[in-house]
Amino acid sequence: MQWTNELRRNIGLHPSCKLLRELLSLDLYTRTVVYPFLIKGWSSHRIAERLKVSLITIQKLLEIGREQLKRKLAAPVRIETERERQK
């Protein structure tokens, strides 16, 4: 929960950062592992110790999170043209 609140604050500071928004869209367990790994720079071993779960569990959640983020962040972004905005 602490990391979710921190993530929300960071989104408030950087509202155009797609990575932060997509991190928030991950399920709670995956987000709890991916956020400290990507944003805080924690090792998977440190996360496993902190959460008192196996390293294998952390590695699986990191892989799930990586695949989900890769899919979401690689999605094409549609930019509206001036003409389309005027319609």
PDB file of N, CA and C in Angstrom:
ATOM      1  N   MET A   1       0.828  -1.191   0.000  1.00  0.00           N
ATOM      2  CA  MET A   1       0.000   0.000   0.000  1.00  0.00           C
ATOM      3  C   MET A   1       0.872   1.255   0.000  1.00  0.00           C
ATOM      4  N   GLN A   2       1.964   1.216   0.743  1.00  0.00           N
ATOM      5  CA  GLN A   2       2.877   2.365   0.802  1.00  0.00           C
ATOM      6  C   GLN A   2       3.362   2.724  -0.594  1.00  0.00           C
ATOM      7  N   TRP A   3       3.731   1.716  -1.400  1.00  0.00           N
ATOM      8  CA  TRP A   3       4.246   1.988  -2.738  1.00  0.00           C
ATOM      9  C   TRP A   3       3.146   2.498  -3.662  1.00  0.00           C
ATOM     10  N   THR A   4       1.920   2.036  -3.461  1.00  0.00           N
ATOM     11  CA  THR A   4       0.815   2.531  -4.276  1.00  0.00           C
ATOM     12  C   THR A   4       0.595   4.010  -4.015  1.00  0.00           C
ATOM     13  N   ASN A   5       0.638   4.413  -2.750  1.00  0.00           N
ATOM     14  CA  ASN A   5       0.481   5.829  -2.419  1.00  0.00           C
ATOM     15  C   ASN A   5       1.636   6.653  -2.989  1.00  0.00           C
ATOM     16  N   GLU A   6       2.849   6.130  -2.892  1.00  0.00           N
ATOM     17  CA  GLU A   6       4.018   6.812  -3.445  1.00  0.00           C
ATOM     18  C   GLU A   6       3.892   6.930  -4.966  1.00  0.00           C
ATOM     19  N   LEU A   7       3.423   5.866  -5.597  1.00  0.00           N
ATOM     20  CA  LEU A   7       3.230   5.867  -7.039  1.00  0.00           C
ATOM     21  C   LEU A   7       2.201   6.926  -7.440  1.00  0.00           C
ATOM     22  N   ARG A   8       1.109   7.011  -6.719  1.00  0.00           N
ATOM     23  CA  ARG A   8       0.091   8.033  -7.011  1.00  0.00           C
ATOM     24  C   ARG A   8       0.654   9.446  -6.869  1.00  0.00           C
ATOM     25  N   ARG A   9       1.473   9.670  -5.838  1.00  0.00           N
ATOM     26  CA  ARG A   9       2.118  10.983  -5.679  1.00  0.00           C
ATOM     27  C   ARG A   9       3.028  11.284  -6.862  1.00  0.00           C
ATOM     28  N   ASN A  10       3.788  10.278  -7.292  1.00  0.00           N
ATOM     29  CA  ASN A  10       4.691  10.461  -8.434  1.00  0.00           C
ATOM     30  C   ASN A  10       3.922  10.748  -9.718  1.00  0.00           C
ATOM     31  N   ILE A  11       2.778  10.113  -9.893  1.00  0.00           N
ATOM     32  CA  ILE A  11       1.945  10.385 -11.060  1.00  0.00           C
ATOM     33  C   ILE A  11       1.461  11.831 -11.008  1.00  0.00           C
ATOM     34  N   GLY A  12       1.121  12.308  -9.815  1.00  0.00           N
ATOM     35  CA  GLY A  12       0.710  13.700  -9.653  1.00  0.00           C
ATOM     36  C   GLY A  12       1.822  14.665 -10.029  1.00  0.00           C
ATOM     37  N   LEU A  13       3.052  14.300  -9.724  1.00  0.00           N
ATOM     38  CA  LEU A  13       4.200  15.142 -10.064  1.00  0.00           C
ATOM     39  C   LEU A  13       4.577  15.049 -11.541  1.00  0.00           C
ATOM     40  N   HIS A  14       4.319  13.888 -12.137  1.00  0.00           N
ATOM     41  CA  HIS A  14       4.702  13.625 -13.539  1.00  0.00           C
ATOM     42  C   HIS A  14       3.505  13.036 -14.295  1.00  0.00           C
ATOM     43  N   PRO A  15       2.446  13.815 -14.495  1.00  0.00           N
ATOM     44  CA  PRO A  15       1.212  13.269 -15.083  1.00  0.00           C
ATOM     45  C   PRO A  15       1.363  12.760 -16.518  1.00  0.00           C
ATOM     46  N   SER A  16       2.366  13.186 -17.232  1.00  0.00           N
ATOM     47  CA  SER A  16       2.528  12.723 -18.614  1.00  0.00           C
ATOM     48  C   SER A  16       3.377  11.452 -18.724  1.00  0.00           C
ATOM     49  N   CYS A  17       3.855  10.926 -17.600  1.00  0.00           N
ATOM     50  CA  CYS A  17       4.707   9.733 -17.625  1.00  0.00           C
ATOM     51  C   CYS A  17       3.841   8.478 -17.762  1.00  0.00           C
ATOM     52  N   LYS A  18       3.887   7.903 -18.953  1.00  0.00           N
ATOM     53  CA  LYS A  18       3.070   6.719 -19.236  1.00  0.00           C
ATOM     54  C   LYS A  18       3.505   5.512 -18.395  1.00  0.00           C
ATOM     55  N   LEU A  19       4.792   5.372 -18.137  1.00  0.00           N
ATOM     56  CA  LEU A  19       5.277   4.247 -17.336  1.00  0.00           C
ATOM     57  C   LEU A  19       4.634   4.247 -15.955  1.00  0.00           C
ATOM     58  N   LEU A  20       4.597   5.396 -15.299  1.00  0.00           N
ATOM     59  CA  LEU A  20       3.991   5.466 -13.968  1.00  0.00           C
ATOM     60  C   LEU A  20       2.510   5.108 -14.018  1.00  0.00           C
ATOM     61  N   ARG A  21       1.802   5.633 -15.016  1.00  0.00           N
ATOM     62  CA  ARG A  21       0.372   5.321 -15.133  1.00  0.00           C
ATOM     63  C   ARG A  21       0.149   3.833 -15.378  1.00  0.00           C
ATOM     64  N   GLU A  22       0.979   3.242 -16.214  1.00  0.00           N
ATOM     65  CA  GLU A  22       0.832   1.813 -16.506  1.00  0.00           C
ATOM     66  C   GLU A  22       1.210   0.952 -15.297  1.00  0.00           C
ATOM     67  N   LEU A  23       2.183   1.400 -14.518  1.00  0.00           N
ATOM     68  CA  LEU A  23       2.508   0.680 -13.276  1.00  0.00           C
ATOM     69  C   LEU A  23       1.293   0.621 -12.367  1.00  0.00           C
ATOM     70  N   LEU A  24       0.561   1.716 -12.279  1.00  0.00           N
ATOM     71  CA  LEU A  24      -0.621   1.770 -11.423  1.00  0.00           C
ATOM     72  C   LEU A  24      -1.711   0.824 -11.923  1.00  0.00           C
ATOM     73  N   SER A  25      -1.715   0.529 -13.214  1.00  0.00           N
ATOM     74  CA  SER A  25      -2.748  -0.350 -13.767  1.00  0.00           C
ATOM     75  C   SER A  25      -2.466  -1.836 -13.504  1.00  0.00           C
ATOM     76  N   LEU A  26      -1.261  -2.169 -13.064  1.00  0.00           N
ATOM     77  CA  LEU A  26      -0.944  -3.571 -12.745  1.00  0.00           C
ATOM     78  C   LEU A  26      -1.718  -4.005 -11.512  1.00  0.00           C
ATOM     79  N   ASP A  27      -1.951  -5.315 -11.399  1.00  0.00           N
ATOM     80  CA  ASP A  27      -2.617  -5.800 -10.183  1.00  0.00           C
ATOM     81  C   ASP A  27      -1.714  -5.550  -8.975  1.00  0.00           C
ATOM     82  N   LEU A  28      -2.297  -5.533  -7.796  1.00  0.00           N
ATOM     83  CA  LEU A  28      -1.589  -5.131  -6.582  1.00  0.00           C
ATOM     84  C   LEU A  28      -0.311  -5.938  -6.332  1.00  0.00           C
ATOM     85  N   TYR A  29      -0.379  -7.260  -6.481  1.00  0.00           N
ATOM     86  CA  TYR A  29       0.798  -8.096  -6.200  1.00  0.00           C
ATOM     87  C   TYR A  29       1.935  -7.812  -7.180  1.00  0.00           C
ATOM     88  N   THR A  30       1.585  -7.723  -8.444  1.00  0.00           N
ATOM     89  CA  THR A  30       2.604  -7.451  -9.458  1.00  0.00           C
ATOM     90  C   THR A  30       3.198  -6.063  -9.254  1.00  0.00           C
ATOM     91  N   ARG A  31       2.342  -5.080  -9.010  1.00  0.00           N
ATOM     92  CA  ARG A  31       2.799  -3.699  -8.781  1.00  0.00           C
ATOM     93  C   ARG A  31       3.703  -3.622  -7.557  1.00  0.00           C
ATOM     94  N   THR A  32       3.386  -4.375  -6.515  1.00  0.00           N
ATOM     95  CA  THR A  32       4.173  -4.366  -5.278  1.00  0.00           C
ATOM     96  C   THR A  32       5.594  -4.859  -5.516  1.00  0.00           C
ATOM     97  N   VAL A  33       5.776  -5.674  -6.533  1.00  0.00           N
ATOM     98  CA  VAL A  33       7.108  -6.198  -6.868  1.00  0.00           C
ATOM     99  C   VAL A  33       7.795  -5.340  -7.926  1.00  0.00           C
ATOM    100  N   VAL A  34       7.058  -4.952  -8.957  1.00  0.00           N
ATOM    101  CA  VAL A  34       7.652  -4.227 -10.083  1.00  0.00           C
ATOM    102  C   VAL A  34       8.055  -2.801  -9.693  1.00  0.00           C
ATOM    103  N   TYR A  35       7.229  -2.126  -8.894  1.00  0.00           N
ATOM    104  CA  TYR A  35       7.522  -0.735  -8.538  1.00  0.00           C
ATOM    105  C   TYR A  35       8.881  -0.585  -7.836  1.00  0.00           C
ATOM    106  N   PRO A  36       9.146  -1.317  -6.758  1.00  0.00           N
ATOM    107  CA  PRO A  36      10.461  -1.130  -6.117  1.00  0.00           C
ATOM    108  C   PRO A  36      11.622  -1.590  -7.003  1.00  0.00           C
ATOM    109  N   PHE A  37      11.363  -2.550  -7.877  1.00  0.00           N
ATOM    110  CA  PHE A  37      12.413  -3.030  -8.777  1.00  0.00           C
ATOM    111  C   PHE A  37      12.779  -1.952  -9.806  1.00  0.00           C
ATOM    112  N   LEU A  38      11.773  -1.392 -10.462  1.00  0.00           N
ATOM    113  CA  LEU A  38      12.035  -0.413 -11.518  1.00  0.00           C
ATOM    114  C   LEU A  38      12.320   0.992 -10.997  1.00  0.00           C
ATOM    115  N   ILE A  39      11.542   1.444 -10.037  1.00  0.00           N
ATOM    116  CA  ILE A  39      11.609   2.843  -9.620  1.00  0.00           C
ATOM    117  C   ILE A  39      12.602   3.047  -8.479  1.00  0.00           C
ATOM    118  N   LYS A  40      12.626   2.146  -7.520  1.00  0.00           N
ATOM    119  CA  LYS A  40      13.514   2.311  -6.369  1.00  0.00           C
ATOM    120  C   LYS A  40      14.873   1.636  -6.570  1.00  0.00           C
ATOM    121  N   GLY A  41      14.963   0.782  -7.595  1.00  0.00           N
ATOM    122  CA  GLY A  41      16.236   0.130  -7.884  1.00  0.00           C
ATOM    123  C   GLY A  41      16.567  -1.036  -6.971  1.00  0.00           C
ATOM    124  N   TRP A  42      15.548  -1.619  -6.339  1.00  0.00           N
ATOM    125  CA  TRP A  42      15.779  -2.751  -5.450  1.00  0.00           C
ATOM    126  C   TRP A  42      16.056  -4.015  -6.250  1.00  0.00           C
ATOM    127  N   SER A  43      16.850  -4.897  -5.685  1.00  0.00           N
ATOM    128  CA  SER A  43      17.098  -6.196  -6.310  1.00  0.00           C
ATOM    129  C   SER A  43      15.917  -7.121  -6.021  1.00  0.00           C
ATOM    130  N   SER A  44      15.772  -8.151  -6.830  1.00  0.00           N
ATOM    131  CA  SER A  44      14.693  -9.120  -6.591  1.00  0.00           C
ATOM    132  C   SER A  44      14.903  -9.823  -5.250  1.00  0.00           C
ATOM    133  N   HIS A  45      16.160 -10.028  -4.877  1.00  0.00           N
ATOM    134  CA  HIS A  45      16.462 -10.664  -3.587  1.00  0.00           C
ATOM    135  C   HIS A  45      15.987  -9.776  -2.431  1.00  0.00           C
ATOM    136  N   ARG A  46      16.254  -8.493  -2.527  1.00  0.00           N
ATOM    137  CA  ARG A  46      15.833  -7.562  -1.466  1.00  0.00           C
ATOM    138  C   ARG A  46      14.304  -7.512  -1.355  1.00  0.00           C
ATOM    139  N   ILE A  47      13.627  -7.509  -2.492  1.00  0.00           N
ATOM    140  CA  ILE A  47      12.159  -7.494  -2.484  1.00  0.00           C
ATOM    141  C   ILE A  47      11.632  -8.767  -1.833  1.00  0.00           C
ATOM    142  N   ALA A  48      12.219  -9.907  -2.189  1.00  0.00           N
ATOM    143  CA  ALA A  48      11.790 -11.189  -1.607  1.00  0.00           C
ATOM    144  C   ALA A  48      11.962 -11.180  -0.091  1.00  0.00           C
ATOM    145  N   GLU A  49      13.086 -10.669   0.381  1.00  0.00           N
ATOM    146  CA  GLU A  49      13.322 -10.598   1.829  1.00  0.00           C
ATOM    147  C   GLU A  49      12.321  -9.663   2.500  1.00  0.00           C
ATOM    148  N   ARG A  50      12.099  -8.514   1.898  1.00  0.00           N
ATOM    149  CA  ARG A  50      11.185  -7.527   2.476  1.00  0.00           C
ATOM    150  C   ARG A  50       9.751  -8.059   2.558  1.00  0.00           C
ATOM    151  N   LEU A  51       9.317  -8.772   1.509  1.00  0.00           N
ATOM    152  CA  LEU A  51       7.939  -9.285   1.464  1.00  0.00           C
ATOM    153  C   LEU A  51       7.806 -10.673   2.084  1.00  0.00           C
ATOM    154  N   LYS A  52       8.947 -11.262   2.434  1.00  0.00           N
ATOM    155  CA  LYS A  52       8.971 -12.605   3.033  1.00  0.00           C
ATOM    156  C   LYS A  52       8.306 -13.652   2.131  1.00  0.00           C
ATOM    157  N   VAL A  53       8.722 -13.630   0.878  1.00  0.00           N
ATOM    158  CA  VAL A  53       8.275 -14.628  -0.101  1.00  0.00           C
ATOM    159  C   VAL A  53       9.504 -15.166  -0.826  1.00  0.00           C
ATOM    160  N   SER A  54       9.315 -16.251  -1.570  1.00  0.00           N
ATOM    161  CA  SER A  54      10.458 -16.859  -2.253  1.00  0.00           C
ATOM    162  C   SER A  54      10.938 -15.996  -3.417  1.00  0.00           C
ATOM    163  N   LEU A  55      12.197 -16.154  -3.726  1.00  0.00           N
ATOM    164  CA  LEU A  55      12.801 -15.441  -4.843  1.00  0.00           C
ATOM    165  C   LEU A  55      12.135 -15.851  -6.157  1.00  0.00           C
ATOM    166  N   ILE A  56      11.747 -17.110  -6.263  1.00  0.00           N
ATOM    167  CA  ILE A  56      11.062 -17.608  -7.463  1.00  0.00           C
ATOM    168  C   ILE A  56       9.748 -16.857  -7.669  1.00  0.00           C
ATOM    169  N   THR A  57       9.006 -16.622  -6.598  1.00  0.00           N
ATOM    170  CA  THR A  57       7.740 -15.880  -6.681  1.00  0.00           C
ATOM    171  C   THR A  57       7.990 -14.475  -7.202  1.00  0.00           C
ATOM    172  N   ILE A  58       9.019 -13.825  -6.672  1.00  0.00           N
ATOM    173  CA  ILE A  58       9.346 -12.471  -7.104  1.00  0.00           C
ATOM    174  C   ILE A  58       9.728 -12.474  -8.583  1.00  0.00           C
ATOM    175  N   GLN A  59      10.529 -13.431  -9.001  1.00  0.00           N
ATOM    176  CA  GLN A  59      10.954 -13.511 -10.395  1.00  0.00           C
ATOM    177  C   GLN A  59       9.772 -13.737 -11.329  1.00  0.00           C
ATOM    178  N   LYS A  60       8.814 -14.565 -10.907  1.00  0.00           N
ATOM    179  CA  LYS A  60       7.619 -14.804 -11.724  1.00  0.00           C
ATOM    180  C   LYS A  60       6.793 -13.533 -11.847  1.00  0.00           C
ATOM    181  N   LEU A  61       6.617 -12.812 -10.736  1.00  0.00           N
ATOM    182  CA  LEU A  61       5.846 -11.565 -10.771  1.00  0.00           C
ATOM    183  C   LEU A  61       6.546 -10.496 -11.605  1.00  0.00           C
ATOM    184  N   LEU A  62       7.864 -10.450 -11.533  1.00  0.00           N
ATOM    185  CA  LEU A  62       8.611  -9.502 -12.364  1.00  0.00           C
ATOM    186  C   LEU A  62       8.441  -9.826 -13.850  1.00  0.00           C
ATOM    187  N   GLU A  63       8.437 -11.089 -14.182  1.00  0.00           N
ATOM    188  CA  GLU A  63       8.248 -11.495 -15.582  1.00  0.00           C
ATOM    189  C   GLU A  63       6.847 -11.140 -16.055  1.00  0.00           C
ATOM    190  N   ILE A  64       5.853 -11.390 -15.235  1.00  0.00           N
ATOM    191  CA  ILE A  64       4.468 -11.034 -15.574  1.00  0.00           C
ATOM    192  C   ILE A  64       4.360  -9.525 -15.772  1.00  0.00           C
ATOM    193  N   GLY A  65       4.911  -8.761 -14.841  1.00  0.00           N
ATOM    194  CA  GLY A  65       4.875  -7.308 -14.934  1.00  0.00           C
ATOM    195  C   GLY A  65       5.598  -6.789 -16.159  1.00  0.00           C
ATOM    196  N   ARG A  66       6.746  -7.381 -16.474  1.00  0.00           N
ATOM    197  CA  ARG A  66       7.516  -6.970 -17.649  1.00  0.00           C
ATOM    198  C   ARG A  66       6.718  -7.178 -18.925  1.00  0.00           C
ATOM    199  N   GLU A  67       6.077  -8.332 -19.033  1.00  0.00           N
ATOM    200  CA  GLU A  67       5.283  -8.625 -20.229  1.00  0.00           C
ATOM    201  C   GLU A  67       4.094  -7.674 -20.347  1.00  0.00           C
ATOM    202  N   GLN A  68       3.409  -7.414 -19.240  1.00  0.00           N
ATOM    203  CA  GLN A  68       2.255  -6.520 -19.273  1.00  0.00           C
ATOM    204  C   GLN A  68       2.678  -5.102 -19.635  1.00  0.00           C
ATOM    205  N   LEU A  69       3.747  -4.614 -19.019  1.00  0.00           N
ATOM    206  CA  LEU A  69       4.214  -3.257 -19.315  1.00  0.00           C
ATOM    207  C   LEU A  69       4.715  -3.137 -20.747  1.00  0.00           C
ATOM    208  N   LYS A  70       5.415  -4.155 -21.215  1.00  0.00           N
ATOM    209  CA  LYS A  70       5.930  -4.132 -22.581  1.00  0.00           C
ATOM    210  C   LYS A  70       4.777  -4.029 -23.579  1.00  0.00           C
ATOM    211  N   ARG A  71       3.728  -4.805 -23.332  1.00  0.00           N
ATOM    212  CA  ARG A  71       2.566  -4.777 -24.214  1.00  0.00           C
ATOM    213  C   ARG A  71       1.880  -3.404 -24.189  1.00  0.00           C
ATOM    214  N   LYS A  72       1.698  -2.866 -22.996  1.00  0.00           N
ATOM    215  CA  LYS A  72       0.983  -1.591 -22.861  1.00  0.00           C
ATOM    216  C   LYS A  72       1.803  -0.413 -23.364  1.00  0.00           C
ATOM    217  N   LEU A  73       3.084  -0.420 -23.086  1.00  0.00           N
ATOM    218  CA  LEU A  73       3.923   0.710 -23.482  1.00  0.00           C
ATOM    219  C   LEU A  73       4.283   0.679 -24.962  1.00  0.00           C
ATOM    220  N   ALA A  74       4.212  -0.489 -25.581  1.00  0.00           N
ATOM    221  CA  ALA A  74       4.538  -0.607 -27.002  1.00  0.00           C
ATOM    222  C   ALA A  74       3.324  -0.323 -27.878  1.00  0.00           C
ATOM    223  N   ALA A  75       2.159  -0.197 -27.276  1.00  0.00           N
ATOM    224  CA  ALA A  75       0.948   0.075 -28.052  1.00  0.00           C
ATOM    225  C   ALA A  75       1.094   1.423 -28.749  1.00  0.00           C
ATOM    226  N   PRO A  76       0.676   1.493 -30.004  1.00  0.00           N
ATOM    227  CA  PRO A  76       0.816   2.765 -30.735  1.00  0.00           C
ATOM    228  C   PRO A  76      -0.036   3.863 -30.104  1.00  0.00           C
ATOM    229  N   VAL A  77       0.497   5.051 -30.131  1.00  0.00           N
ATOM    230  CA  VAL A  77      -0.201   6.213 -29.588  1.00  0.00           C
ATOM    231  C   VAL A  77      -0.766   7.002 -30.750  1.00  0.00           C
ATOM    232  N   ARG A  78      -2.036   7.281 -30.694  1.00  0.00           N
ATOM    233  CA  ARG A  78      -2.672   8.047 -31.770  1.00  0.00           C
ATOM    234  C   ARG A  78      -2.618   9.521 -31.410  1.00  0.00           C
ATOM    235  N   ILE A  79      -2.035  10.312 -32.293  1.00  0.00           N
ATOM    236  CA  ILE A  79      -1.942  11.750 -32.077  1.00  0.00           C
ATOM    237  C   ILE A  79      -2.968  12.428 -32.977  1.00  0.00           C
ATOM    238  N   GLU A  80      -3.832  13.187 -32.364  1.00  0.00           N
ATOM    239  CA  GLU A  80      -4.891  13.872 -33.084  1.00  0.00           C
ATOM    240  C   GLU A  80      -4.310  15.076 -33.838  1.00  0.00           C
ATOM    241  N   THR A  81      -4.712  15.216 -35.089  1.00  0.00           N
ATOM    242  CA  THR A  81      -4.237  16.362 -35.876  1.00  0.00           C
ATOM    243  C   THR A  81      -5.103  17.582 -35.589  1.00  0.00           C
ATOM    244  N   GLU A  82      -4.621  18.730 -35.994  1.00  0.00           N
ATOM    245  CA  GLU A  82      -5.351  19.991 -35.797  1.00  0.00           C
ATOM    246  C   GLU A  82      -6.717  19.919 -36.498  1.00  0.00           C
ATOM    247  N   ARG A  83      -6.744  19.366 -37.698  1.00  0.00           N
ATOM    248  CA  ARG A  83      -7.998  19.255 -38.465  1.00  0.00           C
ATOM    249  C   ARG A  83      -9.013  18.377 -37.720  1.00  0.00           C
ATOM    250  N   GLU A  84      -8.546  17.276 -37.156  1.00  0.00           N
ATOM    251  CA  GLU A  84      -9.450  16.383 -36.425  1.00  0.00           C
ATOM    252  C   GLU A  84     -10.006  17.055 -35.176  1.00  0.00           C
ATOM    253  N   ARG A  85      -9.207  17.890 -34.541  1.00  0.00           N
ATOM    254  CA  ARG A  85      -9.664  18.598 -33.337  1.00  0.00           C
ATOM    255  C   ARG A  85     -10.754  19.603 -33.656  1.00  0.00           C
ATOM    256  N   GLN A  86     -10.717  20.163 -34.846  1.00  0.00           N
ATOM    257  CA  GLN A  86     -11.685  21.183 -35.211  1.00  0.00           C
ATOM    258  C   GLN A  86     -13.047  20.597 -35.564  1.00  0.00           C
ATOM    259  N   LYS A  87     -13.116  19.325 -35.824  1.00  0.00           N
ATOM    260  CA  LYS A  87     -14.397  18.683 -36.187  1.00  0.00           C
ATOM    261  C   LYS A  87     -15.313  18.543 -35.010  1.00  0.00           C
TER     262      LYS A  87
END
